[in-house]
N, C-alpha and C. Protein backbone atom coordinates (compact mmCIF):
# COMPACT_ATOMS: atom_id res chain seq x y z
N MET A 1 0.87 -1.26 -0.02
CA MET A 1 -0.06 0.00 0.03
C MET A 1 0.86 1.23 -0.05
N ASP A 2 0.48 2.31 -0.83
CA ASP A 2 1.23 3.47 -0.94
C ASP A 2 0.56 4.45 0.05
N LEU A 3 1.15 4.69 1.21
CA LEU A 3 0.57 5.57 2.19
C LEU A 3 0.41 7.05 1.76
N SER A 4 1.23 7.41 0.76
CA SER A 4 1.22 8.82 0.28
C SER A 4 -0.12 9.10 -0.46
N LYS A 5 -0.87 7.97 -0.83
CA LYS A 5 -2.11 8.17 -1.52
C LYS A 5 -3.25 8.16 -0.60
N ILE A 6 -3.07 7.90 0.78
CA ILE A 6 -4.16 7.90 1.73
C ILE A 6 -4.27 9.30 2.29
N GLY A 7 -5.49 9.91 2.09
CA GLY A 7 -5.72 11.14 2.66
C GLY A 7 -6.03 11.17 4.04
N TYR A 8 -6.83 10.23 4.48
CA TYR A 8 -7.14 10.11 5.94
C TYR A 8 -7.52 8.62 6.19
N PHE A 9 -7.54 8.29 7.37
CA PHE A 9 -8.19 7.06 7.84
C PHE A 9 -8.76 7.21 9.25
N ILE A 10 -9.93 6.47 9.45
CA ILE A 10 -10.54 6.63 10.75
C ILE A 10 -10.54 5.20 11.40
N PRO A 11 -9.74 5.01 12.48
CA PRO A 11 -9.66 3.62 13.01
C PRO A 11 -11.00 3.18 13.68
N ASP A 12 -11.33 2.02 13.50
CA ASP A 12 -12.66 1.52 14.08
C ASP A 12 -12.43 1.15 15.51
N VAL A 13 -12.28 2.14 16.37
CA VAL A 13 -12.12 1.99 17.77
C VAL A 13 -13.07 2.85 18.55
N ALA A 14 -13.22 2.61 19.76
CA ALA A 14 -14.11 3.41 20.70
C ALA A 14 -13.74 4.80 20.70
N PRO A 15 -14.68 5.75 20.90
CA PRO A 15 -14.27 7.15 20.87
C PRO A 15 -13.33 7.51 21.93
N LEU A 16 -12.62 8.59 21.66
CA LEU A 16 -11.60 9.04 22.65
C LEU A 16 -12.04 10.38 23.22
N TYR A 17 -12.28 10.44 24.55
CA TYR A 17 -12.68 11.62 25.14
C TYR A 17 -11.97 11.69 26.53
N PRO A 18 -11.81 12.95 27.14
CA PRO A 18 -11.28 13.05 28.49
C PRO A 18 -12.20 12.34 29.43
N ASN A 19 -11.60 11.62 30.46
CA ASN A 19 -12.37 10.79 31.44
C ASN A 19 -13.19 11.69 32.48
N ASN A 20 -13.02 13.01 32.37
CA ASN A 20 -13.75 13.87 33.33
C ASN A 20 -14.13 15.04 32.52
N MET A 21 -15.29 15.04 31.79
CA MET A 21 -15.76 16.09 31.01
C MET A 21 -16.11 17.34 31.73
N PRO A 22 -16.69 17.22 32.94
CA PRO A 22 -16.96 18.49 33.70
C PRO A 22 -15.67 19.24 34.06
N LEU A 23 -14.64 18.51 34.39
CA LEU A 23 -13.29 19.12 34.64
C LEU A 23 -12.79 19.76 33.39
N PHE A 24 -12.94 18.96 32.27
CA PHE A 24 -12.38 19.50 31.04
C PHE A 24 -13.06 20.79 30.64
N TRP A 25 -14.35 20.90 30.86
CA TRP A 25 -15.09 22.13 30.45
C TRP A 25 -14.66 23.27 31.47
N ASP A 26 -14.50 22.98 32.72
CA ASP A 26 -14.01 24.00 33.68
C ASP A 26 -12.69 24.60 33.19
N ILE A 27 -11.74 23.72 32.91
CA ILE A 27 -10.39 24.22 32.37
C ILE A 27 -10.57 24.94 31.05
N TRP A 28 -11.28 24.35 30.16
CA TRP A 28 -11.37 24.98 28.86
C TRP A 28 -12.03 26.42 28.90
N ASN A 29 -13.19 26.51 29.57
CA ASN A 29 -13.87 27.78 29.67
C ASN A 29 -13.13 28.86 30.46
N ASP A 30 -12.30 28.40 31.35
CA ASP A 30 -11.60 29.35 32.23
C ASP A 30 -10.29 29.80 31.61
N LYS A 31 -9.59 28.92 30.93
CA LYS A 31 -8.25 29.21 30.53
C LYS A 31 -7.89 29.22 29.02
N LYS A 32 -8.84 28.98 28.17
CA LYS A 32 -8.55 29.09 26.75
C LYS A 32 -8.22 30.52 26.40
N GLU A 33 -7.40 30.68 25.41
CA GLU A 33 -7.03 32.02 24.94
C GLU A 33 -7.13 32.15 23.47
N LEU A 34 -7.27 33.32 22.85
CA LEU A 34 -7.23 33.56 21.53
C LEU A 34 -5.79 33.29 21.00
N LEU A 35 -5.63 32.67 19.88
CA LEU A 35 -4.36 32.20 19.31
C LEU A 35 -4.09 32.98 18.04
N THR A 36 -3.00 33.64 17.95
CA THR A 36 -2.60 34.34 16.72
C THR A 36 -1.28 33.77 16.19
N LYS A 37 -1.14 34.03 14.83
CA LYS A 37 0.06 33.61 14.18
C LYS A 37 1.24 34.43 14.60
N MET A 38 2.33 33.83 15.09
CA MET A 38 3.50 34.57 15.60
C MET A 38 4.68 34.60 14.61
N LYS A 39 4.77 33.61 13.70
CA LYS A 39 5.83 33.67 12.70
C LYS A 39 5.41 32.87 11.45
N LYS A 40 6.19 33.01 10.40
CA LYS A 40 5.79 32.36 9.18
C LYS A 40 6.05 30.85 9.21
N ASP A 41 5.25 30.19 8.31
CA ASP A 41 5.43 28.71 8.31
C ASP A 41 6.73 28.25 7.56
N ASN A 42 7.19 29.06 6.65
CA ASN A 42 8.33 28.75 5.83
C ASN A 42 8.18 27.47 5.07
N LEU A 43 6.94 27.22 4.47
CA LEU A 43 6.73 26.02 3.82
C LEU A 43 6.64 26.23 2.22
N GLY A 44 7.13 27.39 1.80
CA GLY A 44 6.91 27.74 0.40
C GLY A 44 7.68 26.87 -0.57
N ASP A 45 8.67 26.11 -0.11
CA ASP A 45 9.57 25.28 -1.02
C ASP A 45 8.93 23.90 -1.19
N LEU A 46 7.84 23.59 -0.57
CA LEU A 46 7.21 22.25 -0.78
C LEU A 46 6.70 22.09 -2.16
N SER A 47 6.83 20.87 -2.67
CA SER A 47 6.39 20.58 -4.06
C SER A 47 4.77 20.81 -4.17
N SER A 48 4.16 20.65 -3.07
CA SER A 48 2.74 20.87 -3.04
C SER A 48 2.34 22.40 -3.12
N GLY A 49 3.29 23.22 -3.04
CA GLY A 49 2.95 24.64 -3.04
C GLY A 49 3.21 25.39 -1.76
N GLY A 50 3.13 24.65 -0.67
CA GLY A 50 3.36 25.23 0.57
C GLY A 50 2.32 26.34 0.95
N ASN A 51 2.54 27.12 1.95
CA ASN A 51 1.63 28.14 2.32
C ASN A 51 2.35 29.10 3.33
N ASP A 52 1.71 30.15 3.45
CA ASP A 52 2.05 31.14 4.46
C ASP A 52 0.77 31.83 4.89
N LEU A 53 0.23 31.39 6.02
CA LEU A 53 -1.10 32.00 6.43
C LEU A 53 -0.93 33.15 7.30
N GLN A 54 0.28 33.71 7.52
CA GLN A 54 0.39 34.80 8.50
C GLN A 54 -0.42 36.01 8.07
N LEU A 55 -0.38 36.27 6.81
CA LEU A 55 -1.15 37.47 6.33
C LEU A 55 -2.66 37.27 6.50
N LEU A 56 -3.07 36.02 6.38
CA LEU A 56 -4.52 35.74 6.60
C LEU A 56 -4.90 35.71 8.00
N TYR A 57 -4.04 35.49 8.96
CA TYR A 57 -4.38 35.29 10.30
C TYR A 57 -3.72 36.35 11.17
N ASN A 58 -3.71 37.59 10.67
CA ASN A 58 -3.19 38.72 11.51
C ASN A 58 -4.03 38.88 12.75
N THR A 59 -5.25 38.57 12.75
CA THR A 59 -6.16 38.49 13.95
C THR A 59 -6.36 37.09 14.26
N ALA A 60 -6.86 36.81 15.43
CA ALA A 60 -6.99 35.40 15.94
C ALA A 60 -7.96 34.65 15.10
N ASN A 61 -7.59 33.39 14.75
CA ASN A 61 -8.41 32.55 13.95
C ASN A 61 -8.88 31.36 14.85
N PHE A 62 -8.16 31.21 15.98
CA PHE A 62 -8.54 30.07 16.84
C PHE A 62 -8.51 30.55 18.35
N GLU A 63 -9.07 29.72 19.19
CA GLU A 63 -8.79 29.73 20.59
C GLU A 63 -8.41 28.40 21.12
N GLY A 64 -7.57 28.37 22.19
CA GLY A 64 -7.15 27.11 22.63
C GLY A 64 -6.07 27.09 23.64
N MET A 65 -5.42 25.96 23.77
CA MET A 65 -4.34 25.72 24.76
C MET A 65 -3.61 24.51 24.54
N ILE A 66 -2.46 24.33 25.14
CA ILE A 66 -1.65 23.08 25.18
C ILE A 66 -1.88 22.47 26.60
N THR A 67 -2.28 21.21 26.62
CA THR A 67 -2.70 20.63 27.89
C THR A 67 -1.77 19.50 28.36
N TRP A 68 -0.91 18.97 27.48
CA TRP A 68 0.01 17.91 27.91
C TRP A 68 1.16 17.88 27.02
N MET A 69 2.39 17.64 27.62
CA MET A 69 3.67 17.68 26.86
C MET A 69 4.52 16.60 27.39
N LYS A 70 5.19 15.82 26.45
CA LYS A 70 6.27 14.92 26.93
C LYS A 70 7.65 15.56 26.82
N ASN A 71 7.71 16.49 25.81
CA ASN A 71 9.01 17.26 25.65
C ASN A 71 8.62 18.64 24.99
N ASP A 72 9.61 19.43 24.77
CA ASP A 72 9.34 20.80 24.31
C ASP A 72 9.61 21.02 22.80
N SER A 73 9.61 19.83 22.07
CA SER A 73 9.86 19.95 20.57
C SER A 73 8.77 20.72 19.90
N TYR A 74 7.55 20.56 20.31
CA TYR A 74 6.44 21.35 19.69
C TYR A 74 6.57 22.81 19.94
N LEU A 75 7.03 23.14 21.15
CA LEU A 75 7.15 24.60 21.56
C LEU A 75 8.14 25.24 20.59
N LYS A 76 9.22 24.52 20.35
CA LYS A 76 10.33 25.06 19.49
C LYS A 76 9.89 25.31 18.09
N GLY A 77 9.00 24.33 17.54
CA GLY A 77 8.60 24.44 16.20
C GLY A 77 7.32 25.15 15.87
N SER A 78 6.53 25.45 16.97
CA SER A 78 5.18 26.02 16.70
C SER A 78 5.30 27.45 16.09
N THR A 79 4.40 27.80 15.25
CA THR A 79 4.35 29.11 14.66
C THR A 79 3.19 29.90 15.19
N TRP A 80 2.57 29.44 16.31
CA TRP A 80 1.38 30.13 16.89
C TRP A 80 1.66 30.51 18.35
N LYS A 81 0.94 31.44 18.82
CA LYS A 81 0.92 31.76 20.28
C LYS A 81 0.78 30.52 20.99
N GLN A 82 1.46 30.40 22.20
CA GLN A 82 1.46 29.23 22.96
C GLN A 82 0.85 29.49 24.26
N ASN A 83 -0.29 28.86 24.52
CA ASN A 83 -1.07 29.04 25.81
C ASN A 83 -0.94 27.65 26.57
N ILE A 84 0.00 27.55 27.42
CA ILE A 84 0.31 26.32 28.06
C ILE A 84 -0.52 26.16 29.35
N VAL A 85 -1.35 25.18 29.54
CA VAL A 85 -2.20 24.98 30.67
C VAL A 85 -2.08 23.49 31.03
N LEU A 86 -1.21 23.18 31.87
CA LEU A 86 -0.86 21.82 32.25
C LEU A 86 -1.71 21.37 33.49
N ASP A 87 -2.89 21.78 33.54
CA ASP A 87 -3.83 21.38 34.68
C ASP A 87 -4.30 19.97 34.53
N ALA A 88 -4.75 19.30 35.52
CA ALA A 88 -5.28 17.95 35.58
C ALA A 88 -4.45 16.94 34.84
N PRO A 89 -3.24 16.79 35.35
CA PRO A 89 -2.29 15.82 34.61
C PRO A 89 -2.91 14.37 34.64
N GLU A 90 -3.57 14.01 35.71
CA GLU A 90 -4.15 12.62 35.74
C GLU A 90 -5.11 12.46 34.64
N MET A 91 -5.90 13.38 34.30
CA MET A 91 -6.89 13.23 33.29
C MET A 91 -6.15 13.19 31.91
N TRP A 92 -5.16 14.04 31.65
CA TRP A 92 -4.49 14.06 30.36
C TRP A 92 -3.58 12.86 30.26
N ASN A 93 -2.96 12.43 31.35
CA ASN A 93 -2.12 11.22 31.22
C ASN A 93 -2.97 10.01 30.80
N ALA A 94 -4.08 9.89 31.40
CA ALA A 94 -5.08 8.82 31.05
C ALA A 94 -5.50 8.95 29.53
N TYR A 95 -5.77 10.16 29.17
CA TYR A 95 -6.17 10.41 27.80
C TYR A 95 -5.08 10.01 26.83
N VAL A 96 -3.85 10.34 27.01
CA VAL A 96 -2.76 10.01 26.17
C VAL A 96 -2.49 8.56 26.12
N GLU A 97 -2.65 7.85 27.33
CA GLU A 97 -2.45 6.43 27.36
C GLU A 97 -3.57 5.71 26.52
N GLU A 98 -4.76 6.29 26.59
CA GLU A 98 -5.88 5.63 25.70
C GLU A 98 -5.61 5.92 24.30
N MET A 99 -5.14 7.11 23.94
CA MET A 99 -4.91 7.42 22.53
C MET A 99 -3.87 6.41 22.02
N GLU A 100 -2.81 6.16 22.78
CA GLU A 100 -1.78 5.31 22.17
C GLU A 100 -2.22 3.79 22.13
N GLU A 101 -3.22 3.38 23.03
CA GLU A 101 -3.83 2.14 22.92
C GLU A 101 -4.62 1.94 21.63
N LYS A 102 -5.35 3.03 21.37
CA LYS A 102 -6.23 3.04 20.21
C LYS A 102 -5.42 3.08 18.80
N LEU A 103 -4.20 3.81 18.94
CA LEU A 103 -3.37 3.99 17.80
C LEU A 103 -1.92 3.32 18.16
N PRO A 104 -1.86 2.06 18.11
CA PRO A 104 -0.69 1.37 18.68
C PRO A 104 0.63 1.70 17.94
N TRP A 105 0.51 2.32 16.75
CA TRP A 105 1.76 2.59 16.02
C TRP A 105 2.31 3.97 16.42
N TYR A 106 1.59 4.74 17.32
CA TYR A 106 1.85 6.09 17.49
C TYR A 106 2.33 6.42 18.92
N GLU A 107 3.29 7.40 19.10
CA GLU A 107 3.69 7.85 20.33
C GLU A 107 3.41 9.31 20.45
N CYS A 108 2.57 9.75 21.37
CA CYS A 108 2.16 11.14 21.49
C CYS A 108 3.30 11.94 22.23
N GLU A 109 3.50 13.20 21.76
CA GLU A 109 4.39 14.08 22.45
C GLU A 109 3.82 15.32 23.01
N VAL A 110 2.66 15.71 22.43
CA VAL A 110 1.99 16.90 22.86
C VAL A 110 0.55 16.81 22.58
N VAL A 111 -0.33 17.41 23.41
CA VAL A 111 -1.78 17.51 23.17
C VAL A 111 -2.09 18.97 23.13
N VAL A 112 -2.71 19.39 21.98
CA VAL A 112 -3.12 20.75 21.79
C VAL A 112 -4.65 20.79 21.53
N LEU A 113 -5.37 21.71 22.16
CA LEU A 113 -6.78 21.84 21.87
C LEU A 113 -7.06 23.17 21.14
N TRP A 114 -7.78 23.12 20.06
CA TRP A 114 -8.07 24.29 19.28
C TRP A 114 -9.61 24.37 19.02
N ALA A 115 -10.11 25.60 18.98
CA ALA A 115 -11.46 25.77 18.41
C ALA A 115 -11.42 26.92 17.47
N CYS A 116 -11.82 26.84 16.25
CA CYS A 116 -11.85 27.85 15.29
C CYS A 116 -12.93 28.80 15.49
N ILE A 117 -12.64 30.07 15.25
CA ILE A 117 -13.61 31.13 15.41
C ILE A 117 -13.85 31.85 14.09
N LYS A 118 -13.25 31.28 13.01
CA LYS A 118 -13.39 31.74 11.64
C LYS A 118 -13.24 30.57 10.72
N PRO A 119 -13.49 30.66 9.46
CA PRO A 119 -13.18 29.54 8.57
C PRO A 119 -11.73 29.40 8.49
N VAL A 120 -11.32 28.12 8.29
CA VAL A 120 -9.86 27.81 8.28
C VAL A 120 -9.52 27.47 6.84
N PHE A 121 -8.64 28.32 6.27
CA PHE A 121 -8.20 28.17 4.82
C PHE A 121 -7.41 26.94 4.74
N PHE A 122 -7.41 26.33 3.45
CA PHE A 122 -6.60 25.14 3.18
C PHE A 122 -5.12 25.51 3.41
N HIS A 123 -4.39 24.58 4.17
CA HIS A 123 -3.06 24.83 4.47
C HIS A 123 -2.35 23.55 4.80
N ILE A 124 -1.07 23.56 5.03
CA ILE A 124 -0.26 22.43 5.50
C ILE A 124 0.39 22.88 6.82
N ASP A 125 0.37 22.01 7.83
CA ASP A 125 1.07 22.30 9.10
C ASP A 125 2.53 22.18 8.89
N PRO A 126 3.36 22.85 9.76
CA PRO A 126 4.85 22.58 9.76
C PRO A 126 5.20 21.17 10.12
N ALA A 127 4.32 20.51 10.78
CA ALA A 127 4.60 19.08 11.17
C ALA A 127 3.26 18.37 11.33
N PRO A 128 3.28 16.98 11.09
CA PRO A 128 4.35 16.17 10.63
C PRO A 128 4.47 16.28 9.06
N LEU A 129 5.64 16.45 8.46
CA LEU A 129 5.85 16.51 7.10
C LEU A 129 6.31 15.15 6.60
N GLN A 130 5.34 14.21 6.66
CA GLN A 130 5.54 12.83 6.22
C GLN A 130 4.43 12.48 5.18
N PRO A 131 4.86 11.79 4.15
CA PRO A 131 3.86 11.41 3.09
C PRO A 131 3.05 10.24 3.51
N ALA A 132 2.26 10.45 4.55
CA ALA A 132 1.49 9.30 5.13
C ALA A 132 0.36 9.94 6.01
N PRO A 133 -0.66 9.22 6.37
CA PRO A 133 -1.70 9.75 7.21
C PRO A 133 -1.39 9.59 8.65
N VAL A 134 -0.44 10.46 9.17
CA VAL A 134 0.02 10.29 10.55
C VAL A 134 -0.22 11.52 11.41
N ALA A 135 -0.95 12.47 10.92
CA ALA A 135 -1.33 13.69 11.76
C ALA A 135 -2.66 13.28 12.43
N VAL A 136 -2.51 13.21 13.76
CA VAL A 136 -3.61 12.66 14.57
C VAL A 136 -4.50 13.87 15.13
N ARG A 137 -5.83 13.60 14.95
CA ARG A 137 -6.81 14.61 15.50
C ARG A 137 -7.97 13.77 16.13
N SER A 138 -8.63 14.40 17.08
CA SER A 138 -9.83 13.82 17.64
C SER A 138 -10.80 14.89 18.03
N LEU A 139 -12.04 14.66 17.92
CA LEU A 139 -13.06 15.70 18.27
C LEU A 139 -13.45 15.52 19.73
N ILE A 140 -13.19 16.45 20.59
CA ILE A 140 -13.67 16.37 21.93
C ILE A 140 -15.11 16.94 22.04
N TYR A 141 -15.41 17.86 21.22
CA TYR A 141 -16.79 18.37 21.23
C TYR A 141 -17.13 18.96 19.79
N ASP A 142 -18.32 18.58 19.33
CA ASP A 142 -18.66 19.15 18.05
C ASP A 142 -20.19 19.07 17.90
N ASN A 143 -20.87 20.24 17.83
CA ASN A 143 -22.35 20.20 17.73
C ASN A 143 -22.69 20.65 16.34
N ASN A 144 -21.82 20.64 15.37
CA ASN A 144 -22.14 20.88 13.97
C ASN A 144 -23.02 19.78 13.45
N PRO A 145 -23.94 19.99 12.60
CA PRO A 145 -24.85 18.93 12.08
C PRO A 145 -24.05 17.94 11.16
N SER A 146 -22.89 18.34 10.66
CA SER A 146 -22.14 17.37 9.84
C SER A 146 -20.61 17.78 9.97
N PRO A 147 -19.73 16.91 9.56
CA PRO A 147 -18.29 17.20 9.73
C PRO A 147 -17.84 18.45 9.04
N THR A 148 -16.89 19.12 9.62
CA THR A 148 -16.35 20.41 9.00
C THR A 148 -15.00 20.33 8.60
N PHE A 149 -14.22 19.35 9.09
CA PHE A 149 -12.71 19.14 8.78
C PHE A 149 -12.70 18.57 7.35
N LYS A 150 -11.87 19.24 6.47
CA LYS A 150 -11.86 18.78 5.06
C LYS A 150 -10.38 18.72 4.64
N LEU A 151 -10.24 17.93 3.47
CA LEU A 151 -8.93 17.73 2.86
C LEU A 151 -9.05 18.04 1.44
N ARG A 152 -7.87 18.51 0.86
CA ARG A 152 -7.81 18.69 -0.65
C ARG A 152 -6.53 18.01 -1.03
N SER A 153 -6.65 17.18 -2.05
CA SER A 153 -5.47 16.50 -2.60
C SER A 153 -4.62 17.54 -3.31
N ASN A 154 -3.30 17.45 -3.13
CA ASN A 154 -2.38 18.30 -3.88
C ASN A 154 -2.28 17.78 -5.32
N GLU A 155 -2.49 16.45 -5.50
CA GLU A 155 -2.37 15.96 -6.84
C GLU A 155 -3.50 16.13 -7.76
N THR A 156 -4.75 15.85 -7.22
CA THR A 156 -5.97 15.85 -8.07
C THR A 156 -6.86 17.09 -7.82
N ARG A 157 -6.57 17.78 -6.69
CA ARG A 157 -7.35 18.97 -6.28
C ARG A 157 -8.80 18.55 -5.77
N GLU A 158 -8.94 17.21 -5.67
CA GLU A 158 -10.21 16.77 -5.07
C GLU A 158 -10.37 17.15 -3.64
N GLU A 159 -11.59 17.44 -3.21
CA GLU A 159 -11.80 17.81 -1.83
C GLU A 159 -12.75 16.79 -1.19
N LYS A 160 -12.56 16.54 0.17
CA LYS A 160 -13.38 15.59 0.82
C LYS A 160 -13.41 15.91 2.28
N TYR A 161 -14.55 15.85 2.86
CA TYR A 161 -14.65 15.91 4.34
C TYR A 161 -14.33 14.63 5.00
N VAL A 162 -13.69 14.72 6.15
CA VAL A 162 -13.43 13.53 7.02
C VAL A 162 -14.62 13.18 7.73
N PRO A 163 -15.23 12.02 7.51
CA PRO A 163 -16.58 11.65 8.10
C PRO A 163 -16.52 11.07 9.51
N TYR A 164 -15.96 11.85 10.33
CA TYR A 164 -15.91 11.45 11.81
C TYR A 164 -17.23 11.56 12.39
N ASN A 165 -17.46 11.04 13.61
CA ASN A 165 -18.76 11.19 14.29
C ASN A 165 -18.49 10.95 15.78
N GLN A 166 -19.53 10.99 16.58
CA GLN A 166 -19.33 10.81 18.08
C GLN A 166 -18.84 9.50 18.43
N GLU A 167 -19.12 8.46 17.58
CA GLU A 167 -18.79 7.12 17.84
C GLU A 167 -17.39 6.78 17.32
N ARG A 168 -17.01 7.54 16.32
CA ARG A 168 -15.59 7.36 15.77
C ARG A 168 -15.06 8.73 15.61
N ASN A 169 -14.49 9.29 16.68
CA ASN A 169 -14.19 10.63 16.73
C ASN A 169 -12.72 10.95 16.52
N THR A 170 -11.85 9.91 16.26
CA THR A 170 -10.38 10.00 16.06
C THR A 170 -10.00 9.59 14.63
N PHE A 171 -9.13 10.42 14.06
CA PHE A 171 -8.67 10.11 12.76
C PHE A 171 -7.22 10.54 12.57
N ALA A 172 -6.60 10.18 11.51
CA ALA A 172 -5.29 10.61 11.18
C ALA A 172 -5.30 10.98 9.65
N PHE A 173 -4.61 12.06 9.31
CA PHE A 173 -4.61 12.53 7.84
C PHE A 173 -3.19 12.81 7.38
N ASN A 174 -3.13 12.92 6.08
CA ASN A 174 -1.84 13.15 5.39
C ASN A 174 -1.60 14.64 5.28
N ASN A 175 -0.63 15.18 6.07
CA ASN A 175 -0.39 16.58 6.11
C ASN A 175 0.57 17.05 5.10
N LEU A 176 1.16 16.12 4.33
CA LEU A 176 2.14 16.55 3.27
C LEU A 176 1.55 16.54 1.87
N LYS A 177 0.79 15.50 1.63
CA LYS A 177 0.22 15.28 0.23
C LYS A 177 -1.14 15.89 0.13
N PHE A 178 -1.74 16.34 1.20
CA PHE A 178 -3.09 16.93 1.19
C PHE A 178 -3.11 18.18 2.05
N PHE A 179 -3.79 19.20 1.57
CA PHE A 179 -4.07 20.40 2.40
C PHE A 179 -5.23 20.12 3.25
N HIS A 180 -5.32 20.78 4.34
CA HIS A 180 -6.51 20.57 5.18
C HIS A 180 -7.08 22.07 5.57
N GLY A 181 -8.33 22.02 5.95
CA GLY A 181 -8.99 23.25 6.39
C GLY A 181 -10.25 22.86 7.04
N ALA A 182 -11.14 23.82 7.42
CA ALA A 182 -12.39 23.60 8.08
C ALA A 182 -13.40 24.66 7.79
N ASP A 183 -14.61 24.27 7.64
CA ASP A 183 -15.77 25.22 7.63
C ASP A 183 -15.98 25.80 8.98
N TYR A 184 -16.74 26.95 8.99
CA TYR A 184 -17.06 27.57 10.28
C TYR A 184 -18.50 28.13 10.21
N ASP A 185 -19.27 27.74 11.22
CA ASP A 185 -20.64 28.25 11.36
C ASP A 185 -20.68 28.87 12.75
N PRO A 186 -20.88 30.24 12.88
CA PRO A 186 -20.89 30.78 14.20
C PRO A 186 -22.03 30.34 15.18
N SER A 187 -22.97 29.62 14.61
CA SER A 187 -24.01 29.12 15.46
C SER A 187 -23.67 27.71 16.00
N HIS A 188 -22.53 27.23 15.64
CA HIS A 188 -22.09 25.82 16.20
C HIS A 188 -20.72 26.06 16.72
N TYR A 189 -20.20 24.96 17.39
CA TYR A 189 -18.91 25.02 18.06
C TYR A 189 -18.27 23.68 18.03
N LYS A 190 -16.94 23.67 17.88
CA LYS A 190 -16.17 22.47 17.92
C LYS A 190 -14.80 22.65 18.59
N VAL A 191 -14.43 21.73 19.43
CA VAL A 191 -13.14 21.65 20.13
C VAL A 191 -12.43 20.46 19.54
N LEU A 192 -11.31 20.79 18.91
CA LEU A 192 -10.50 19.71 18.26
C LEU A 192 -9.26 19.44 18.93
N MET A 193 -8.87 18.23 19.21
CA MET A 193 -7.56 17.85 19.81
C MET A 193 -6.62 17.57 18.65
N LYS A 194 -5.56 18.33 18.73
CA LYS A 194 -4.40 18.11 17.76
C LYS A 194 -3.30 17.43 18.57
N SER A 195 -2.85 16.19 18.16
CA SER A 195 -1.76 15.61 18.80
C SER A 195 -0.54 15.65 17.84
N PHE A 196 0.62 15.95 18.33
CA PHE A 196 1.84 15.78 17.61
C PHE A 196 2.73 14.76 18.30
N GLY A 197 3.34 13.91 17.40
CA GLY A 197 4.18 12.88 18.01
C GLY A 197 4.99 12.16 16.84
N ARG A 198 5.20 10.90 17.04
CA ARG A 198 6.00 10.11 16.03
C ARG A 198 5.40 8.79 15.74
N VAL A 199 5.75 8.24 14.64
CA VAL A 199 5.35 6.88 14.25
C VAL A 199 6.38 5.90 14.96
N LYS A 200 6.02 5.00 15.83
CA LYS A 200 6.94 4.14 16.44
C LYS A 200 6.94 2.69 15.89
N ASP A 201 5.95 2.44 15.03
CA ASP A 201 5.85 1.11 14.41
C ASP A 201 5.16 1.18 13.04
N GLN A 202 5.98 1.17 11.99
CA GLN A 202 5.45 1.35 10.64
C GLN A 202 4.48 0.22 10.31
N GLY A 203 4.83 -0.94 10.72
CA GLY A 203 4.04 -2.18 10.44
C GLY A 203 2.57 -2.04 11.09
N LEU A 204 2.50 -1.58 12.29
CA LEU A 204 1.19 -1.38 12.97
C LEU A 204 0.42 -0.29 12.27
N LEU A 205 1.12 0.72 11.73
CA LEU A 205 0.42 1.81 11.06
C LEU A 205 -0.23 1.23 9.81
N LEU A 206 0.54 0.49 9.07
CA LEU A 206 0.08 -0.12 7.74
C LEU A 206 -1.13 -1.03 8.11
N LYS A 207 -1.04 -1.80 9.16
CA LYS A 207 -2.15 -2.72 9.52
C LYS A 207 -3.44 -1.95 9.88
N GLN A 208 -3.31 -0.83 10.62
CA GLN A 208 -4.51 -0.11 10.94
C GLN A 208 -5.09 0.66 9.82
N VAL A 209 -4.28 1.18 8.91
CA VAL A 209 -4.77 1.83 7.71
C VAL A 209 -5.50 0.78 6.85
N GLN A 210 -4.88 -0.36 6.66
CA GLN A 210 -5.60 -1.40 5.84
C GLN A 210 -6.90 -1.81 6.41
N GLU A 211 -6.95 -2.01 7.75
CA GLU A 211 -8.20 -2.38 8.37
C GLU A 211 -9.26 -1.27 8.16
N SER A 212 -8.82 -0.08 8.27
CA SER A 212 -9.81 1.08 8.08
C SER A 212 -10.32 1.12 6.67
N LYS A 213 -9.30 0.90 5.72
CA LYS A 213 -9.74 0.89 4.31
C LYS A 213 -10.66 -0.19 3.94
N ASP A 214 -10.47 -1.30 4.49
CA ASP A 214 -11.32 -2.52 4.30
C ASP A 214 -12.72 -2.24 4.81
N LYS A 215 -12.91 -1.39 5.78
CA LYS A 215 -14.20 -1.02 6.35
C LYS A 215 -14.75 0.23 5.74
N GLY A 216 -14.18 0.80 4.69
CA GLY A 216 -14.59 2.03 4.03
C GLY A 216 -14.40 3.29 4.89
N LEU A 217 -13.29 3.21 5.76
CA LEU A 217 -13.05 4.32 6.67
C LEU A 217 -11.77 4.99 6.30
N ALA A 218 -11.49 5.01 5.02
CA ALA A 218 -10.23 5.73 4.51
C ALA A 218 -10.46 6.37 3.23
N TRP A 219 -9.71 7.30 2.80
CA TRP A 219 -9.80 7.98 1.57
C TRP A 219 -8.47 7.65 0.79
N GLU A 220 -8.55 6.93 -0.24
CA GLU A 220 -7.34 6.61 -1.01
C GLU A 220 -7.54 7.19 -2.44
N LEU A 221 -6.56 7.79 -2.91
CA LEU A 221 -6.58 8.37 -4.33
C LEU A 221 -6.44 7.22 -5.30
């Protein structure tokens, strides 16, 4: 299987949520901050065209926080304002442990929570720049009537929404060969978990992608 052709896959696992949602909402409502672009992405040399969203995001486009870190590599590479809120470590330690159980090929290094407050233009993140669906996301809350996270193939320009739901709220997408963005409706709200980390077992990644593909839970060009 050519993983560079896989736009996203949704593992057929139980949903991933914090184990104390009242505590999550207390922390989120009290400590989230508006996030602005602090420096350029410097992705203009990518064969896919790259991007620089700094001009588009001179005002805040998201609100959010960092809730868990294994190391500071994300802080060194992030191009956004950093709101570090390491409250409730027991809750987030359990969350990361469960994430890695559901994605046995993956090792999480940071958990970031974002909620868009404007439409999100198609772009590529500075990481992970790998030609495979290894950018991990999960919906902690979403009251939109249909999915809003979407991908666009750099090769064919085809666009597709990632069909997550409350029962399958975790997915991984290809951040190098596909641009991603999101619709925004001010009458609805979504809190997205962005995890950054590393692939620790390529064989287990291939196995989970193939299982998802066999169940119709993957987009392959």
